[in-house]
Amino acid sequence: MNTRKKGKEKEKIAEDFLKKKRKYKILDRNYTRKTGEIDIIAKDKDTIVFVEVRSLEGGEIDPLETVSVKKRKRIIKTARYYLMEHPEFESLNVRFDFVGIKGSQITHIENVFWEEV
């Protein structure tokens, strides 16, 4: 199975986890602009949540370690585009979450990084 297809499958697992276990409302998936891509955009009560999903098969590395500073900056820039395109969310709080999938283990970290958007 190619990397892109695996990634989409893991994003679907993360989406199901966020909907069923965390009760998030999924607004968008794979939102892409020239600045980058956001895997999942969701609403958690009064908060719009931009979620980065990463997965690894085996090894000692934590999936969170694979999210570089450069990647975080791209996510933040892309989140700004989304918020400009969706003024209906301007009154909501903004948060950046992370979902890591390693084998069958799912790790969800709320507010994994912060930036004024």
N, C-alpha and C. Protein backbone atom coordinates (compact mmCIF):
# COMPACT_ATOMS: atom_id res chain seq x y z
N MET A 1 0.85 -1.18 0.00
CA MET A 1 0.00 0.00 0.00
C MET A 1 0.89 1.24 0.00
N ASN A 2 0.54 2.23 -0.83
CA ASN A 2 1.40 3.41 -0.90
C ASN A 2 1.21 4.33 0.31
N THR A 3 2.13 5.24 0.49
CA THR A 3 2.16 6.12 1.66
C THR A 3 0.94 7.01 1.73
N ARG A 4 0.54 7.56 0.60
CA ARG A 4 -0.63 8.46 0.57
C ARG A 4 -1.89 7.73 1.02
N LYS A 5 -2.09 6.52 0.51
CA LYS A 5 -3.28 5.74 0.87
C LYS A 5 -3.26 5.39 2.36
N LYS A 6 -2.09 5.02 2.87
CA LYS A 6 -1.96 4.73 4.31
C LYS A 6 -2.30 5.95 5.13
N GLY A 7 -1.80 7.10 4.69
CA GLY A 7 -2.06 8.35 5.39
C GLY A 7 -3.54 8.66 5.46
N LYS A 8 -4.24 8.47 4.35
CA LYS A 8 -5.69 8.72 4.32
C LYS A 8 -6.43 7.77 5.25
N GLU A 9 -5.99 6.52 5.31
CA GLU A 9 -6.62 5.55 6.22
C GLU A 9 -6.42 5.97 7.68
N LYS A 10 -5.21 6.42 8.01
CA LYS A 10 -4.93 6.85 9.39
C LYS A 10 -5.72 8.12 9.73
N GLU A 11 -5.87 9.02 8.77
CA GLU A 11 -6.68 10.21 9.01
C GLU A 11 -8.13 9.84 9.27
N LYS A 12 -8.64 8.83 8.58
CA LYS A 12 -10.01 8.36 8.81
C LYS A 12 -10.13 7.76 10.22
N ILE A 13 -9.12 7.03 10.67
CA ILE A 13 -9.13 6.49 12.03
C ILE A 13 -9.15 7.64 13.04
N ALA A 14 -8.33 8.65 12.80
CA ALA A 14 -8.28 9.81 13.69
C ALA A 14 -9.63 10.54 13.69
N GLU A 15 -10.22 10.71 12.52
CA GLU A 15 -11.52 11.37 12.43
C GLU A 15 -12.57 10.61 13.23
N ASP A 16 -12.63 9.31 13.05
CA ASP A 16 -13.60 8.49 13.80
C ASP A 16 -13.37 8.61 15.30
N PHE A 17 -12.11 8.59 15.71
CA PHE A 17 -11.76 8.74 17.13
C PHE A 17 -12.27 10.08 17.66
N LEU A 18 -12.01 11.16 16.93
CA LEU A 18 -12.42 12.49 17.40
C LEU A 18 -13.94 12.61 17.45
N LYS A 19 -14.63 12.03 16.49
CA LYS A 19 -16.10 12.10 16.49
C LYS A 19 -16.70 11.26 17.61
N LYS A 20 -16.25 10.03 17.73
CA LYS A 20 -16.89 9.10 18.66
C LYS A 20 -16.41 9.25 20.10
N LYS A 21 -15.11 9.38 20.30
CA LYS A 21 -14.57 9.42 21.66
C LYS A 21 -14.54 10.83 22.25
N ARG A 22 -14.31 11.84 21.40
CA ARG A 22 -14.18 13.22 21.88
C ARG A 22 -15.39 14.08 21.56
N LYS A 23 -16.30 13.53 20.75
CA LYS A 23 -17.53 14.23 20.37
C LYS A 23 -17.29 15.52 19.59
N TYR A 24 -16.23 15.56 18.79
CA TYR A 24 -15.95 16.70 17.93
C TYR A 24 -16.89 16.63 16.72
N LYS A 25 -17.23 17.80 16.21
CA LYS A 25 -17.97 17.87 14.94
C LYS A 25 -16.92 18.12 13.85
N ILE A 26 -16.82 17.23 12.90
CA ILE A 26 -15.83 17.37 11.83
C ILE A 26 -16.38 18.35 10.79
N LEU A 27 -15.60 19.40 10.51
CA LEU A 27 -16.00 20.42 9.55
C LEU A 27 -15.36 20.21 8.18
N ASP A 28 -14.12 19.74 8.17
CA ASP A 28 -13.40 19.61 6.91
C ASP A 28 -12.24 18.63 7.08
N ARG A 29 -11.85 18.01 5.97
CA ARG A 29 -10.68 17.13 5.95
C ARG A 29 -9.80 17.52 4.79
N ASN A 30 -8.50 17.42 5.01
CA ASN A 30 -7.52 17.70 3.97
C ASN A 30 -7.73 19.07 3.32
N TYR A 31 -7.89 20.06 4.16
CA TYR A 31 -8.03 21.44 3.69
C TYR A 31 -6.67 21.90 3.19
N THR A 32 -6.60 22.24 1.90
CA THR A 32 -5.32 22.54 1.27
C THR A 32 -5.34 23.93 0.63
N ARG A 33 -4.29 24.67 0.91
CA ARG A 33 -4.04 25.96 0.28
C ARG A 33 -2.57 26.01 -0.10
N LYS A 34 -2.13 27.09 -0.73
CA LYS A 34 -0.74 27.18 -1.16
C LYS A 34 0.23 27.12 0.02
N THR A 35 -0.25 27.45 1.21
CA THR A 35 0.61 27.44 2.40
C THR A 35 0.78 26.06 3.01
N GLY A 36 -0.13 25.14 2.70
CA GLY A 36 -0.03 23.80 3.27
C GLY A 36 -1.37 23.11 3.38
N GLU A 37 -1.41 22.09 4.22
CA GLU A 37 -2.61 21.28 4.39
C GLU A 37 -2.88 21.08 5.88
N ILE A 38 -4.17 21.06 6.20
CA ILE A 38 -4.60 20.70 7.55
C ILE A 38 -5.40 19.42 7.41
N ASP A 39 -5.01 18.40 8.16
CA ASP A 39 -5.62 17.08 8.02
C ASP A 39 -7.09 17.09 8.39
N ILE A 40 -7.40 17.64 9.57
CA ILE A 40 -8.79 17.66 10.04
C ILE A 40 -9.07 19.02 10.67
N ILE A 41 -10.24 19.56 10.34
CA ILE A 41 -10.72 20.78 11.00
C ILE A 41 -12.02 20.39 11.68
N ALA A 42 -12.11 20.68 12.97
CA ALA A 42 -13.27 20.24 13.75
C ALA A 42 -13.72 21.35 14.68
N LYS A 43 -14.90 21.12 15.26
CA LYS A 43 -15.43 22.04 16.26
C LYS A 43 -15.61 21.25 17.55
N ASP A 44 -15.09 21.81 18.63
CA ASP A 44 -15.22 21.22 19.97
C ASP A 44 -15.84 22.30 20.85
N LYS A 45 -17.14 22.21 21.04
CA LYS A 45 -17.90 23.21 21.78
C LYS A 45 -17.70 24.59 21.17
N ASP A 46 -17.03 25.51 21.88
CA ASP A 46 -16.85 26.88 21.38
C ASP A 46 -15.45 27.09 20.80
N THR A 47 -14.86 26.01 20.30
CA THR A 47 -13.49 26.07 19.79
C THR A 47 -13.39 25.43 18.41
N ILE A 48 -12.71 26.11 17.51
CA ILE A 48 -12.36 25.52 16.21
C ILE A 48 -11.00 24.86 16.39
N VAL A 49 -10.89 23.61 15.96
CA VAL A 49 -9.69 22.82 16.22
C VAL A 49 -9.07 22.39 14.89
N PHE A 50 -7.79 22.72 14.74
CA PHE A 50 -7.01 22.30 13.57
C PHE A 50 -6.15 21.13 14.02
N VAL A 51 -6.33 19.99 13.38
CA VAL A 51 -5.71 18.75 13.85
C VAL A 51 -4.68 18.24 12.83
N GLU A 52 -3.48 17.99 13.34
CA GLU A 52 -2.43 17.33 12.55
C GLU A 52 -2.43 15.86 12.94
N VAL A 53 -2.47 14.98 11.94
CA VAL A 53 -2.47 13.54 12.17
C VAL A 53 -1.15 12.97 11.66
N ARG A 54 -0.50 12.18 12.50
CA ARG A 54 0.74 11.51 12.10
C ARG A 54 0.67 10.06 12.54
N SER A 55 1.27 9.20 11.73
CA SER A 55 1.31 7.78 12.10
C SER A 55 2.69 7.22 11.80
N LEU A 56 3.05 6.24 12.59
CA LEU A 56 4.31 5.53 12.41
C LEU A 56 4.07 4.05 12.63
N GLU A 57 4.80 3.26 11.92
CA GLU A 57 4.73 1.81 12.10
C GLU A 57 6.01 1.36 12.80
N GLY A 58 5.90 0.96 14.04
CA GLY A 58 7.06 0.45 14.77
C GLY A 58 8.09 1.51 15.10
N GLY A 59 9.23 1.08 15.57
CA GLY A 59 10.31 1.99 15.90
C GLY A 59 10.12 2.67 17.24
N GLU A 60 11.11 3.41 17.64
CA GLU A 60 11.11 4.07 18.95
C GLU A 60 10.65 5.52 18.89
N ILE A 61 10.48 6.07 17.68
CA ILE A 61 10.13 7.48 17.54
C ILE A 61 8.65 7.69 17.84
N ASP A 62 8.36 8.76 18.58
CA ASP A 62 6.99 9.17 18.85
C ASP A 62 6.50 9.96 17.63
N PRO A 63 5.28 9.71 17.15
CA PRO A 63 4.79 10.45 15.98
C PRO A 63 4.85 11.97 16.15
N LEU A 64 4.68 12.46 17.38
CA LEU A 64 4.74 13.90 17.61
C LEU A 64 6.09 14.49 17.24
N GLU A 65 7.15 13.70 17.38
CA GLU A 65 8.49 14.16 17.05
C GLU A 65 8.66 14.44 15.56
N THR A 66 7.74 13.98 14.75
CA THR A 66 7.85 14.17 13.30
C THR A 66 7.23 15.49 12.82
N VAL A 67 6.65 16.27 13.74
CA VAL A 67 6.04 17.55 13.38
C VAL A 67 7.06 18.65 13.63
N SER A 68 7.69 19.09 12.57
CA SER A 68 8.76 20.09 12.68
C SER A 68 8.19 21.50 12.92
N VAL A 69 9.06 22.40 13.30
CA VAL A 69 8.69 23.80 13.47
C VAL A 69 8.17 24.36 12.14
N LYS A 70 8.83 24.00 11.06
CA LYS A 70 8.40 24.44 9.72
C LYS A 70 6.98 23.97 9.43
N LYS A 71 6.68 22.71 9.76
CA LYS A 71 5.34 22.16 9.54
C LYS A 71 4.31 22.90 10.39
N ARG A 72 4.65 23.20 11.63
CA ARG A 72 3.73 23.93 12.50
C ARG A 72 3.41 25.31 11.92
N LYS A 73 4.42 25.99 11.41
CA LYS A 73 4.21 27.31 10.81
C LYS A 73 3.29 27.21 9.60
N ARG A 74 3.45 26.16 8.81
CA ARG A 74 2.59 25.97 7.63
C ARG A 74 1.14 25.71 8.06
N ILE A 75 0.97 24.94 9.11
CA ILE A 75 -0.38 24.67 9.63
C ILE A 75 -1.03 25.97 10.10
N ILE A 76 -0.28 26.78 10.82
CA ILE A 76 -0.80 28.05 11.33
C ILE A 76 -1.20 28.97 10.19
N LYS A 77 -0.35 29.10 9.17
CA LYS A 77 -0.67 29.94 8.02
C LYS A 77 -1.93 29.44 7.32
N THR A 78 -2.04 28.14 7.17
CA THR A 78 -3.19 27.56 6.49
C THR A 78 -4.45 27.75 7.33
N ALA A 79 -4.32 27.66 8.64
CA ALA A 79 -5.46 27.91 9.54
C ALA A 79 -5.95 29.35 9.38
N ARG A 80 -5.05 30.27 9.20
CA ARG A 80 -5.45 31.67 8.98
C ARG A 80 -6.31 31.81 7.71
N TYR A 81 -5.92 31.11 6.65
CA TYR A 81 -6.73 31.12 5.43
C TYR A 81 -8.13 30.58 5.71
N TYR A 82 -8.19 29.49 6.41
CA TYR A 82 -9.49 28.88 6.70
C TYR A 82 -10.37 29.85 7.47
N LEU A 83 -9.81 30.51 8.47
CA LEU A 83 -10.59 31.44 9.28
C LEU A 83 -11.03 32.66 8.47
N MET A 84 -10.19 33.11 7.55
CA MET A 84 -10.59 34.22 6.67
C MET A 84 -11.74 33.81 5.76
N GLU A 85 -11.73 32.57 5.30
CA GLU A 85 -12.77 32.07 4.41
C GLU A 85 -14.07 31.73 5.15
N HIS A 86 -13.97 31.60 6.47
CA HIS A 86 -15.14 31.21 7.27
C HIS A 86 -15.35 32.19 8.42
N PRO A 87 -15.84 33.40 8.10
CA PRO A 87 -16.04 34.41 9.14
C PRO A 87 -17.06 33.99 10.21
N GLU A 88 -17.86 32.98 9.91
CA GLU A 88 -18.84 32.50 10.90
C GLU A 88 -18.16 31.91 12.14
N PHE A 89 -16.86 31.63 12.04
CA PHE A 89 -16.14 31.06 13.19
C PHE A 89 -15.30 32.09 13.94
N GLU A 90 -15.39 33.38 13.55
CA GLU A 90 -14.51 34.39 14.15
C GLU A 90 -14.70 34.56 15.65
N SER A 91 -15.86 34.21 16.17
CA SER A 91 -16.09 34.36 17.62
C SER A 91 -15.62 33.15 18.42
N LEU A 92 -15.18 32.10 17.72
CA LEU A 92 -14.74 30.89 18.41
C LEU A 92 -13.28 30.97 18.83
N ASN A 93 -12.95 30.21 19.87
CA ASN A 93 -11.55 30.04 20.25
C ASN A 93 -10.87 29.18 19.19
N VAL A 94 -9.56 29.23 19.13
CA VAL A 94 -8.79 28.44 18.16
C VAL A 94 -7.80 27.57 18.91
N ARG A 95 -7.68 26.32 18.46
CA ARG A 95 -6.75 25.39 19.11
C ARG A 95 -6.13 24.49 18.05
N PHE A 96 -4.90 24.07 18.33
CA PHE A 96 -4.19 23.14 17.45
C PHE A 96 -3.98 21.84 18.22
N ASP A 97 -4.53 20.76 17.70
CA ASP A 97 -4.42 19.44 18.34
C ASP A 97 -3.55 18.53 17.48
N PHE A 98 -3.15 17.45 18.10
CA PHE A 98 -2.34 16.44 17.43
C PHE A 98 -2.93 15.07 17.72
N VAL A 99 -3.02 14.25 16.68
CA VAL A 99 -3.40 12.84 16.86
C VAL A 99 -2.28 12.00 16.26
N GLY A 100 -1.68 11.19 17.13
CA GLY A 100 -0.63 10.28 16.70
C GLY A 100 -1.15 8.86 16.73
N ILE A 101 -0.84 8.13 15.68
CA ILE A 101 -1.26 6.73 15.60
C ILE A 101 -0.02 5.88 15.40
N LYS A 102 0.18 4.98 16.34
CA LYS A 102 1.32 4.07 16.27
C LYS A 102 0.80 2.67 16.54
N GLY A 103 0.75 1.89 15.48
CA GLY A 103 0.12 0.58 15.59
C GLY A 103 -1.36 0.77 15.87
N SER A 104 -1.86 0.19 16.95
CA SER A 104 -3.27 0.36 17.31
C SER A 104 -3.47 1.42 18.39
N GLN A 105 -2.39 2.06 18.81
CA GLN A 105 -2.46 3.07 19.87
C GLN A 105 -2.71 4.46 19.28
N ILE A 106 -3.71 5.16 19.83
CA ILE A 106 -4.03 6.51 19.40
C ILE A 106 -3.73 7.47 20.54
N THR A 107 -2.93 8.49 20.25
CA THR A 107 -2.61 9.53 21.23
C THR A 107 -3.19 10.84 20.74
N HIS A 108 -3.99 11.47 21.59
CA HIS A 108 -4.58 12.76 21.24
C HIS A 108 -4.06 13.80 22.23
N ILE A 109 -3.44 14.85 21.70
CA ILE A 109 -2.93 15.93 22.54
C ILE A 109 -3.64 17.21 22.13
N GLU A 110 -4.38 17.78 23.06
CA GLU A 110 -5.04 19.05 22.81
C GLU A 110 -4.05 20.19 22.99
N ASN A 111 -4.22 21.24 22.21
CA ASN A 111 -3.41 22.45 22.34
C ASN A 111 -1.92 22.14 22.29
N VAL A 112 -1.53 21.35 21.32
CA VAL A 112 -0.15 20.85 21.22
C VAL A 112 0.84 21.97 20.93
N PHE A 113 0.39 22.99 20.20
CA PHE A 113 1.19 24.20 20.04
C PHE A 113 0.22 25.35 19.94
N TRP A 114 0.73 26.54 20.15
CA TRP A 114 -0.13 27.70 20.21
C TRP A 114 0.47 28.83 19.40
N GLU A 115 -0.40 29.54 18.74
CA GLU A 115 0.01 30.71 17.97
C GLU A 115 -1.22 31.60 17.82
N GLU A 116 -1.02 32.86 17.90
CA GLU A 116 -2.10 33.81 17.68
C GLU A 116 -2.50 33.75 16.20
N VAL A 117 -3.78 33.48 15.91
CA VAL A 117 -4.20 33.43 14.51
C VAL A 117 -5.15 34.52 14.15
